[in-house]
Every structure is written in C-alpha cells, then in structure tokens.
C-alpha cells in the first residue's frame, strides 16, 4: 500500500476546529473520532493490485458513497470498468464516512493518506481545507489535454487544484396540480413574498445543507449583501418552512405538504424515470437564474501516482465520459464538448443564466453570512 505523510500539521486553531464534530459534504455533522478516521470504507469491485512487479499500478480515489454505491446507476463502477479496459491500471475507491473531512483530519494530525485523488469537492469543502491546514492537501494540475473544455463559469479554485467535472443548478420545483386551481410558482425572489404564496415554500437549512446554502447564496446574489436578511425575515413572515436537509424537505414536498421546494433543475429526469406525473415536477428559475454548485476532482499532494492521476482526470473530461457521468449522476457536464442523450436533454433544464460566488468572496464572507442568517432567522 502506498503511503505518504503531511509533515506539517495544522495550527492550533485548525486542530481545535476539527476536534469533536466536523461537517460533512452536505454541511451536516459527523463524529470524527479516531476509529472512523483511521479506516476508510472501500469498494471491493474489480481487481486490486498486490505486490508483484508485473501487476498494473493502482490508483486510489477518495469519494463520497453515492458516487459508487449503486453499480447500475452510480458513475463510479462504470468509470472504473471503462478506465481499466483502456489503461493498464486498476482503480480502488475509498469512501470515508465523513468524506473529505476524513482527509482533513488525518492531514491535521500528520497521519498518512493513501488516496491519490479525491472526486467530489465543492468550493465550500475547498475553503474548509484551506482554513484548517497550514500545508497544501492538494496540488495544482495544469497539464490536462481536456482542461480547456471546462466551462469558465464553473471554475471555483483560483489555485487550479480542483478541476470541475459536473454541476447542479439550484432552482424551485413546484406542483402545478396543487390545490383547487392550477398552481404556478412566482418568477422572482420578490414574488415569493406575496401573500398568495404564504406557507407554500419548503427550503433547507443553509447551516446544515449544501442545497440550502446554495439557495441562501442565490438570495444574496439577488437581494444584495445589505438586504438579504430583510428578504429572509419577510420570507419567514410569509410562512416559509426551513427543514434540515434536502431529503427531509423533498419528502415533505412529495407528501403534498407544500407546492414548492428548493431542489435541482434535473428533477424531471428522476420524475420521468420513476414514471411520475411531470405536472408535479415543474421548474422555476427565480430571476431567470440558477445557482451553480459544481463538483471537482483534485490530486493529493505527495501522491506516488501523479501521472496515473492526471491520466484519470483527463479521462474524466473526455466528451463521452462527461456525458455518461452527467446521466448517471443526474447532473450537468462541466465541459462544453459533452453530447447528452436526447432523453436527458428533454427533461433536464439549464438556467438562462448561471450564477455563483467565487472562492475569494466565499472564503471572506460565507461564515459571516450563514451566522447572521442563523442569528436572525432561528433566533427570532
């Protein structure tokens, strides 16, 4: 097994921030005790390499569970099989319960990291890494032949470490059949404040949910840094329900508890595959915008398989691979070259305008924005 160490641990503040509980990829908390962080859950599909010199090299890829858990739909198993059929190498997935926080904590304690690559980063995770570690956990990769095909609007790492490979767009999903007459969602953020939409919206807590955080950030984009709290106070007065995460809120929506929920613009893809009535899965891009939440991949600093890691990253950006990842992850490709199947393009929708905040803005403001929201919305 390949091993490498981070020789410089995080400073005292970084270790303190990681003690006890740390947030996972969706903002919820996970116990970060030593037992969990010492051993990551791994997939066992396919062949892994041993010690014989003639066996192919092994690339260890850290990721989140749903990327590999469903062999018929998750992209991970398909990527492994396709890559191994073309290249003389094997892929082994590592799926720690606390996702990227597993590696942050190991690095903060100077403990070895066996993974070569991480797949599933977003900008919030990257900021968390940089805030908690004094030494770099990932290294920049700038020599990929397909790198130029990535949409510029999805780039979220100014240092070039994280390379986007797909994206979701946050929007409203609404039920046109809700109530006695045909329901339609408002077209703007201000429209949500109208009395006719009282008690009609389900959202996620931005402190504990990545989806909720994206919706909060979109509201800040739309209403401005000085006015977003006023908007949320009026939204609260109009009966918005804030639930802990996407699953809880979408379940409530599916049970008919409200006609609108914050979700993703690929919602109709799921609905169509499940044979559901699409009238109950209509989309609305408020202000004709969707908040982009791209996922990226990055190579660990000190990997002893840098060339193989680069090969896999370049492979992930190829047009036909991008299209398959999009279909299996039910997300949009990160590149301009992917050709999506007609069925996917028919039910997935991209916003007229994609919006997001860059890394520097989020690094300097995200904590203050969410804390201010929590003090006002939860405290009042």
Protein backbone atom coordinates (compact mmCIF):
# COMPACT_ATOMS: atom_id res chain seq x y z
CA UNK A 1 0.00 0.00 0.00
CA UNK A 2 1.37 3.38 -0.96
CA UNK A 3 1.70 5.83 1.91
CA UNK A 4 2.69 9.45 2.26
CA UNK A 5 2.58 11.90 5.13
CA UNK A 6 1.80 15.55 5.63
CA UNK A 7 4.87 16.66 7.52
CA UNK A 8 3.38 19.94 8.75
CA UNK A 9 0.18 19.58 10.73
CA UNK A 10 -2.48 22.26 11.02
CA UNK A 11 -2.01 25.06 13.53
CA UNK A 12 -3.71 25.03 16.91
CA UNK A 13 -6.83 26.72 15.57
CA UNK A 14 -7.16 24.16 12.80
CA UNK A 15 -6.91 21.21 15.19
CA UNK A 16 -9.46 22.81 17.51
CA UNK A 17 -11.88 23.30 14.64
CA UNK A 18 -11.62 19.64 13.73
CA UNK A 19 -11.98 18.21 17.22
CA UNK A 20 -15.22 16.52 18.24
CA UNK A 21 -17.60 17.01 15.32
CA UNK A 22 -16.85 18.25 11.83
CA UNK A 23 -19.18 18.95 8.94
CA UNK A 24 -19.64 16.51 6.11
CA UNK A 25 -20.08 17.25 2.45
CA UNK A 26 -23.67 18.44 2.86
CA UNK A 27 -22.92 20.55 5.92
CA UNK A 28 -24.27 18.06 8.48
CA UNK A 29 -22.10 16.90 11.35
CA UNK A 30 -20.31 13.61 11.75
CA UNK A 31 -18.47 12.24 14.77
CA UNK A 32 -14.77 12.47 13.94
CA UNK A 33 -13.36 10.03 16.49
CA UNK A 34 -10.06 8.28 15.87
CA UNK A 35 -11.63 4.95 14.93
CA UNK A 36 -13.56 6.38 11.99
CA UNK A 37 -10.68 8.40 10.68
CA UNK A 38 -8.15 5.62 10.90
CA UNK A 39 -10.01 3.39 8.45
CA UNK A 40 -11.98 4.38 5.36
CA UNK A 41 -14.64 2.20 3.80
CA UNK A 42 -13.50 0.85 0.43
CA UNK A 43 -15.23 -0.71 -2.53
CA UNK A 44 -14.23 -4.22 -3.44
CA UNK A 45 -15.46 -4.30 -7.02
CA UNK A 46 -12.86 -5.32 -9.56
CA UNK A 47 -9.28 -6.43 -9.05
CA UNK A 48 -6.84 -4.62 -6.78
CA UNK A 49 -3.11 -4.80 -7.10
CA UNK A 50 -0.79 -6.72 -4.84
CA UNK A 51 2.97 -6.51 -4.60
CA UNK A 52 4.05 -8.35 -7.73
CA UNK A 53 6.13 -6.16 -10.02
CA UNK A 54 4.19 -7.20 -13.13
CA UNK A 55 0.81 -6.18 -11.75
CA UNK A 56 -0.68 -2.89 -13.03
CA UNK A 57 -0.39 0.23 -10.88
CA UNK A 58 -3.28 1.09 -8.58
CA UNK A 59 -4.98 4.48 -8.32
CA UNK A 60 -6.77 5.08 -5.02
CA UNK A 61 -9.67 7.50 -5.44
CA UNK A 62 -11.38 9.04 -2.43
CA UNK A 63 -15.02 9.99 -2.95
CA UNK A 64 -18.49 10.05 -1.40
CA UNK A 65 -20.58 6.90 -1.04
CA UNK A 66 -23.32 7.56 -3.60
CA UNK A 67 -20.68 8.02 -6.31
CA UNK A 68 -20.09 4.25 -6.19
CA UNK A 69 -22.85 2.60 -4.13
CA UNK A 70 -25.33 1.75 -6.90
CA UNK A 71 -23.45 -0.24 -9.57
CA UNK A 72 -26.20 0.15 -12.18
CA UNK A 73 -26.61 3.93 -11.82
CA UNK A 74 -23.66 5.45 -9.91
CA UNK A 75 -20.82 6.69 -12.14
CA UNK A 76 -18.02 5.17 -10.06
CA UNK A 77 -18.27 1.47 -11.06
CA UNK A 78 -18.78 2.37 -14.71
CA UNK A 79 -15.77 4.72 -14.66
CA UNK A 80 -13.64 2.02 -13.05
CA UNK A 81 -14.61 -0.62 -15.61
CA UNK A 82 -14.18 1.72 -18.58
CA UNK A 83 -10.84 3.13 -17.41
CA UNK A 84 -9.39 -0.30 -16.63
CA UNK A 85 -10.46 -1.62 -20.03
CA UNK A 86 -8.42 1.09 -21.75
CA UNK A 87 -5.45 1.66 -19.45
CA UNK A 88 -3.05 -0.75 -17.75
CA UNK A 89 -4.11 0.24 -14.24
CA UNK A 90 -6.67 -0.52 -11.55
CA UNK A 91 -8.98 1.84 -9.66
CA UNK A 92 -9.82 1.38 -5.99
CA UNK A 93 -12.38 3.65 -4.35
CA UNK A 94 -12.07 4.84 -0.77
CA UNK A 95 -15.28 6.13 0.83
CA UNK A 96 -14.77 7.54 4.34
CA UNK A 97 -17.96 8.28 6.24
CA UNK A 98 -17.07 11.95 6.75
CA UNK A 99 -15.95 12.32 3.13
CA UNK A 100 -13.26 14.97 2.61
CA UNK A 101 -13.16 15.75 6.35
CA UNK A 102 -11.58 12.35 6.86
CA UNK A 103 -8.52 13.55 4.94
CA UNK A 104 -8.51 16.99 6.55
CA UNK A 105 -8.31 15.46 9.98
CA UNK A 106 -5.61 12.96 9.01
CA UNK A 107 -3.56 15.75 7.46
CA UNK A 108 -4.04 17.95 10.53
CA UNK A 109 -2.60 15.16 12.70
CA UNK A 110 0.25 14.32 10.33
CA UNK A 111 -1.26 10.88 9.60
CA UNK A 112 -0.57 9.13 6.29
CA UNK A 113 -3.03 9.46 3.42
CA UNK A 114 -3.18 6.58 0.95
CA UNK A 115 -5.51 8.14 -1.63
CA UNK A 116 -4.10 9.66 -4.80
CA UNK A 117 -7.13 11.61 -5.93
CA UNK A 118 -10.36 12.99 -4.48
CA UNK A 119 -13.55 13.16 -6.54
CA UNK A 120 -16.48 15.20 -5.20
CA UNK A 121 -15.04 18.51 -3.98
CA UNK A 122 -17.06 21.71 -3.94
CA UNK A 123 -15.95 25.24 -3.15
CA UNK A 124 -17.14 25.02 0.47
CA UNK A 125 -15.01 21.91 1.07
CA UNK A 126 -12.01 23.61 -0.51
CA UNK A 127 -12.38 26.61 1.77
CA UNK A 128 -12.68 24.28 4.78
CA UNK A 129 -9.44 22.58 3.75
CA UNK A 130 -7.57 25.86 3.38
CA UNK A 131 -8.88 27.21 6.68
CA UNK A 132 -7.85 24.13 8.67
CA UNK A 133 -4.49 23.16 7.17
CA UNK A 134 -1.20 25.03 7.05
CA UNK A 135 0.24 22.74 4.37
CA UNK A 136 -1.42 22.06 0.99
CA UNK A 137 -3.52 18.91 0.79
CA UNK A 138 -3.94 19.04 -2.99
CA UNK A 139 -1.59 20.07 -5.76
CA UNK A 140 -2.41 22.09 -8.88
CA UNK A 141 -2.82 20.23 -12.17
CA UNK A 142 -2.38 22.36 -15.28
CA UNK A 143 -1.28 19.95 -18.00
CA UNK A 144 -4.51 18.12 -18.89
CA UNK A 145 -5.29 17.99 -22.61
CA UNK A 146 -9.05 18.41 -22.00
CA UNK A 147 -8.74 21.11 -19.34
CA UNK A 148 -9.64 23.89 -21.75
CA UNK A 149 -13.06 22.35 -22.38
CA UNK A 150 -14.27 23.07 -18.82
CA UNK A 151 -16.81 25.92 -18.69
CA UNK A 152 -15.14 29.00 -17.28
CA UNK A 153 -18.23 29.86 -15.22
CA UNK A 154 -17.78 26.64 -13.20
CA UNK A 155 -14.17 27.22 -12.14
CA UNK A 156 -14.08 27.58 -8.35
CA UNK A 157 -10.42 27.15 -7.36
CA UNK A 158 -8.14 30.13 -8.09
CA UNK A 159 -5.10 27.92 -7.46
CA UNK A 160 -6.05 25.34 -10.08
CA UNK A 161 -6.15 22.36 -7.74
CA UNK A 162 -9.82 21.42 -8.17
CA UNK A 163 -10.95 20.61 -11.71
CA UNK A 164 -14.76 20.69 -12.22
CA UNK A 165 -16.31 17.55 -13.72
CA UNK A 166 -20.07 18.21 -13.30
CA UNK A 167 -22.51 20.71 -11.85
CA UNK A 168 -26.00 21.04 -10.45
CA UNK A 169 -28.25 24.10 -10.71
CA UNK A 170 -30.45 25.05 -7.77
CA UNK A 171 -34.00 26.15 -8.58
CA UNK A 172 -37.61 25.76 -7.42
CA UNK A 173 -39.60 22.63 -8.15
CA UNK A 174 -43.36 23.12 -7.98
CA UNK A 175 -46.55 21.09 -8.25
CA UNK A 176 -48.86 22.52 -10.90
CA UNK A 177 -51.71 20.31 -9.65
CA UNK A 178 -51.56 21.57 -6.05
CA UNK A 179 -54.83 23.00 -4.70
CA UNK A 180 -58.16 23.63 -6.36
CA UNK A 181 -56.79 25.55 -9.34
CA UNK A 182 -53.61 25.31 -11.38
CA UNK A 183 -50.64 26.40 -9.27
CA UNK A 184 -47.70 28.29 -10.73
CA UNK A 185 -44.56 29.45 -8.93
CA UNK A 186 -43.51 33.11 -8.88
CA UNK A 187 -40.87 34.27 -11.33
CA UNK A 188 -38.76 36.33 -8.92
CA UNK A 189 -37.47 36.29 -5.36
CA UNK A 190 -39.77 39.21 -4.54
CA UNK A 191 -42.68 37.15 -5.84
CA UNK A 192 -42.13 34.62 -3.05
CA UNK A 193 -43.11 37.33 -0.56
CA UNK A 194 -46.60 37.80 -1.96
CA UNK A 195 -49.48 36.78 0.28
CA UNK A 196 -50.76 34.31 -2.33
CA UNK A 197 -47.63 32.19 -1.66
CA UNK A 198 -47.96 32.16 2.12
CA UNK A 199 -46.89 28.79 3.62
CA UNK A 200 -46.11 27.44 0.12
CA UNK A 201 -42.31 27.09 0.16
CA UNK A 202 -40.02 24.42 1.64
CA UNK A 203 -36.30 25.23 1.90
CA UNK A 204 -33.27 23.63 3.55
CA UNK A 205 -31.23 24.99 6.45
CA UNK A 206 -28.15 26.65 4.94
CA UNK A 207 -26.13 25.75 8.03
CA UNK A 208 -26.74 22.01 7.63
CA UNK A 209 -27.44 21.53 3.91
CA UNK A 210 -25.45 22.24 0.76
CA UNK A 211 -28.70 22.79 -1.16
CA UNK A 212 -29.93 25.23 1.45
CA UNK A 213 -26.61 27.02 1.43
CA UNK A 214 -26.80 27.42 -2.35
CA UNK A 215 -30.31 28.90 -2.10
CA UNK A 216 -29.14 31.32 0.60
CA UNK A 217 -26.23 32.39 -1.61
CA UNK A 218 -28.55 32.86 -4.57
CA UNK A 219 -30.76 35.10 -2.43
CA UNK A 220 -27.69 37.16 -1.50
CA UNK A 221 -26.83 37.46 -5.19
CA UNK A 222 -30.38 38.59 -5.95
CA UNK A 223 -31.08 40.88 -2.98
CA UNK A 224 -27.60 42.09 -2.11
CA UNK A 225 -25.43 41.71 0.96
CA UNK A 226 -27.18 44.53 2.79
CA UNK A 227 -30.75 43.37 2.05
CA UNK A 228 -30.79 39.56 2.10
CA UNK A 229 -31.61 39.35 5.81
CA UNK A 230 -34.62 41.63 5.29
CA UNK A 231 -35.73 39.34 2.47
CA UNK A 232 -35.46 36.26 4.71
CA UNK A 233 -37.34 37.99 7.53
CA UNK A 234 -40.20 38.72 5.13
CA UNK A 235 -39.98 35.16 3.79
CA UNK A 236 -40.29 33.88 7.36
CA UNK A 237 -43.30 36.11 7.97
CA UNK A 238 -44.84 34.64 4.81
CA UNK A 239 -44.63 31.14 6.27
CA UNK A 240 -41.57 29.56 4.65
CA UNK A 241 -40.62 26.23 6.25
CA UNK A 242 -36.90 25.58 6.80
CA UNK A 243 -36.06 21.87 7.14
CA UNK A 244 -32.70 20.33 7.97
CA UNK A 245 -31.71 18.89 4.59
CA UNK A 246 -32.78 18.19 1.01
CA UNK A 247 -34.09 14.68 1.71
CA UNK A 248 -36.37 15.85 4.52
CA UNK A 249 -37.74 18.79 2.54
CA UNK A 250 -38.25 16.81 -0.66
CA UNK A 251 -40.04 14.06 1.24
CA UNK A 252 -42.40 16.69 2.70
CA UNK A 253 -42.95 18.09 -0.79
CA UNK A 254 -43.66 14.63 -2.20
CA UNK A 255 -46.29 14.11 0.52
CA UNK A 256 -48.09 17.27 -0.58
CA UNK A 257 -47.21 19.40 2.44
CA UNK A 258 -46.39 22.39 0.21
CA UNK A 259 -46.45 23.17 -3.53
CA UNK A 260 -42.83 24.42 -3.83
CA UNK A 261 -39.43 23.10 -2.74
CA UNK A 262 -35.84 24.16 -3.37
CA UNK A 263 -34.23 21.42 -5.45
CA UNK A 264 -32.33 20.82 -8.70
CA UNK A 265 -33.03 21.55 -12.34
CA UNK A 266 -32.60 17.86 -13.21
CA UNK A 267 -35.64 16.97 -11.09
CA UNK A 268 -37.73 15.94 -14.11
CA UNK A 269 -35.11 13.36 -15.08
CA UNK A 270 -35.78 11.49 -11.84
CA UNK A 271 -39.53 12.01 -12.18
CA UNK A 272 -39.61 10.68 -15.74
CA UNK A 273 -37.54 7.61 -14.84
CA UNK A 274 -39.90 6.91 -11.93
CA UNK A 275 -43.00 7.26 -14.10
CA UNK A 276 -44.30 10.23 -12.12
CA UNK A 277 -46.61 12.97 -13.41
CA UNK A 278 -44.34 15.77 -14.63
CA UNK A 279 -47.03 18.30 -13.77
CA UNK A 280 -45.95 17.72 -10.17
CA UNK A 281 -42.32 18.43 -11.07
CA UNK A 282 -42.31 21.80 -12.81
CA UNK A 283 -39.22 24.01 -12.62
CA UNK A 284 -38.81 27.70 -11.92
CA UNK A 285 -35.55 29.65 -12.20
CA UNK A 286 -36.09 32.67 -9.97
CA UNK A 287 -34.96 35.87 -11.68
CA UNK A 288 -34.18 33.62 -14.69
CA UNK A 289 -31.12 32.33 -12.80
CA UNK A 290 -29.91 29.07 -11.32
CA UNK A 291 -27.20 28.86 -8.66
CA UNK A 292 -24.39 26.63 -9.91
CA UNK A 293 -22.85 24.14 -7.48
CA UNK A 294 -20.05 22.39 -9.41
CA UNK A 295 -18.19 19.30 -8.21
CA UNK A 296 -14.48 18.92 -8.78
CA UNK A 297 -11.60 16.47 -8.53
CA UNK A 298 -8.12 17.12 -7.18
CA UNK A 299 -4.81 15.26 -6.84
CA UNK A 300 -3.37 14.79 -3.35
CA UNK A 301 -0.04 16.44 -2.67
CA UNK A 302 2.69 13.80 -2.50
CA UNK A 303 0.92 11.04 -4.40
CA UNK A 304 3.29 8.44 -5.82
CA UNK A 305 0.98 8.01 -8.86
CA UNK A 306 0.91 11.56 -10.28
CA UNK A 307 0.91 10.54 -13.94
CA UNK A 308 -1.82 7.96 -13.44
CA UNK A 309 -3.87 10.53 -11.51
CA UNK A 310 -3.51 13.03 -14.35
CA UNK A 311 -4.50 10.38 -16.87
CA UNK A 312 -7.66 9.61 -14.91
CA UNK A 313 -8.54 13.31 -14.54
CA UNK A 314 -8.11 13.86 -18.28
CA UNK A 315 -10.19 10.75 -18.92
CA UNK A 316 -12.98 12.22 -16.75
CA UNK A 317 -13.13 15.29 -19.03
CA UNK A 318 -13.48 13.44 -22.34
CA UNK A 319 -16.79 14.19 -24.12
CA UNK A 320 -18.23 10.68 -23.97
CA UNK A 321 -17.18 10.26 -20.31
CA UNK A 322 -18.66 13.63 -19.38
CA UNK A 323 -21.96 12.65 -20.96
CA UNK A 324 -22.11 9.35 -19.07
CA UNK A 325 -21.22 10.99 -15.74
CA UNK A 326 -23.99 13.53 -16.28
CA UNK A 327 -26.59 10.85 -16.98
CA UNK A 328 -25.57 8.62 -14.07
CA UNK A 329 -25.08 11.48 -11.57
CA UNK A 330 -28.14 13.31 -12.95
CA UNK A 331 -26.07 16.49 -13.17
CA UNK A 332 -24.83 18.69 -15.99
CA UNK A 333 -21.42 18.18 -17.61
CA UNK A 334 -18.65 20.57 -16.67
CA UNK A 335 -17.34 20.79 -20.24
CA UNK A 336 -18.65 22.34 -23.44
CA UNK A 337 -17.95 19.22 -25.51
CA UNK A 338 -20.23 16.57 -23.96
CA UNK A 339 -23.12 15.37 -26.13
CA UNK A 340 -26.02 14.49 -23.87
CA UNK A 341 -28.59 11.87 -24.87
CA UNK A 342 -31.82 13.33 -26.25
CA UNK A 343 -33.85 11.87 -23.39
CA UNK A 344 -31.66 13.59 -20.78
CA UNK A 345 -31.73 16.91 -22.60
CA UNK A 346 -35.51 16.75 -22.85
CA UNK A 347 -36.09 16.57 -19.10
CA UNK A 348 -33.06 18.34 -17.61
CA UNK A 349 -33.05 22.12 -17.83
CA UNK A 350 -30.21 24.60 -17.61
CA UNK A 351 -30.97 28.12 -16.35
CA UNK A 352 -30.95 31.11 -18.71
CA UNK A 353 -28.14 32.45 -16.50
CA UNK A 354 -25.91 30.51 -14.11
CA UNK A 355 -24.74 32.47 -11.06
CA UNK A 356 -22.32 31.71 -8.26
CA UNK A 357 -19.85 33.36 -5.89
CA UNK A 358 -16.13 32.87 -6.42
CA UNK A 359 -13.73 31.29 -3.96
CA UNK A 360 -12.34 34.55 -2.55
CA UNK A 361 -15.77 36.01 -1.86
CA UNK A 362 -16.99 32.87 -0.12
CA UNK A 363 -13.77 32.47 1.87
CA UNK A 364 -14.10 36.01 3.22
CA UNK A 365 -17.86 36.11 3.77
CA UNK A 366 -19.62 32.72 3.87
CA UNK A 367 -19.22 32.11 7.59
CA UNK A 368 -20.45 35.61 8.44
CA UNK A 369 -23.41 35.32 6.05
CA UNK A 370 -24.61 31.99 7.42
CA UNK A 371 -24.04 33.03 11.03
CA UNK A 372 -26.02 36.24 10.51
CA UNK A 373 -28.83 34.26 8.86
CA UNK A 374 -28.89 31.79 11.76
CA UNK A 375 -28.95 34.53 14.41
CA UNK A 376 -31.83 36.34 12.74
CA UNK A 377 -33.89 33.51 11.32
CA UNK A 378 -33.51 30.95 14.10
CA UNK A 379 -33.07 33.43 16.93
CA UNK A 380 -36.20 35.46 16.25
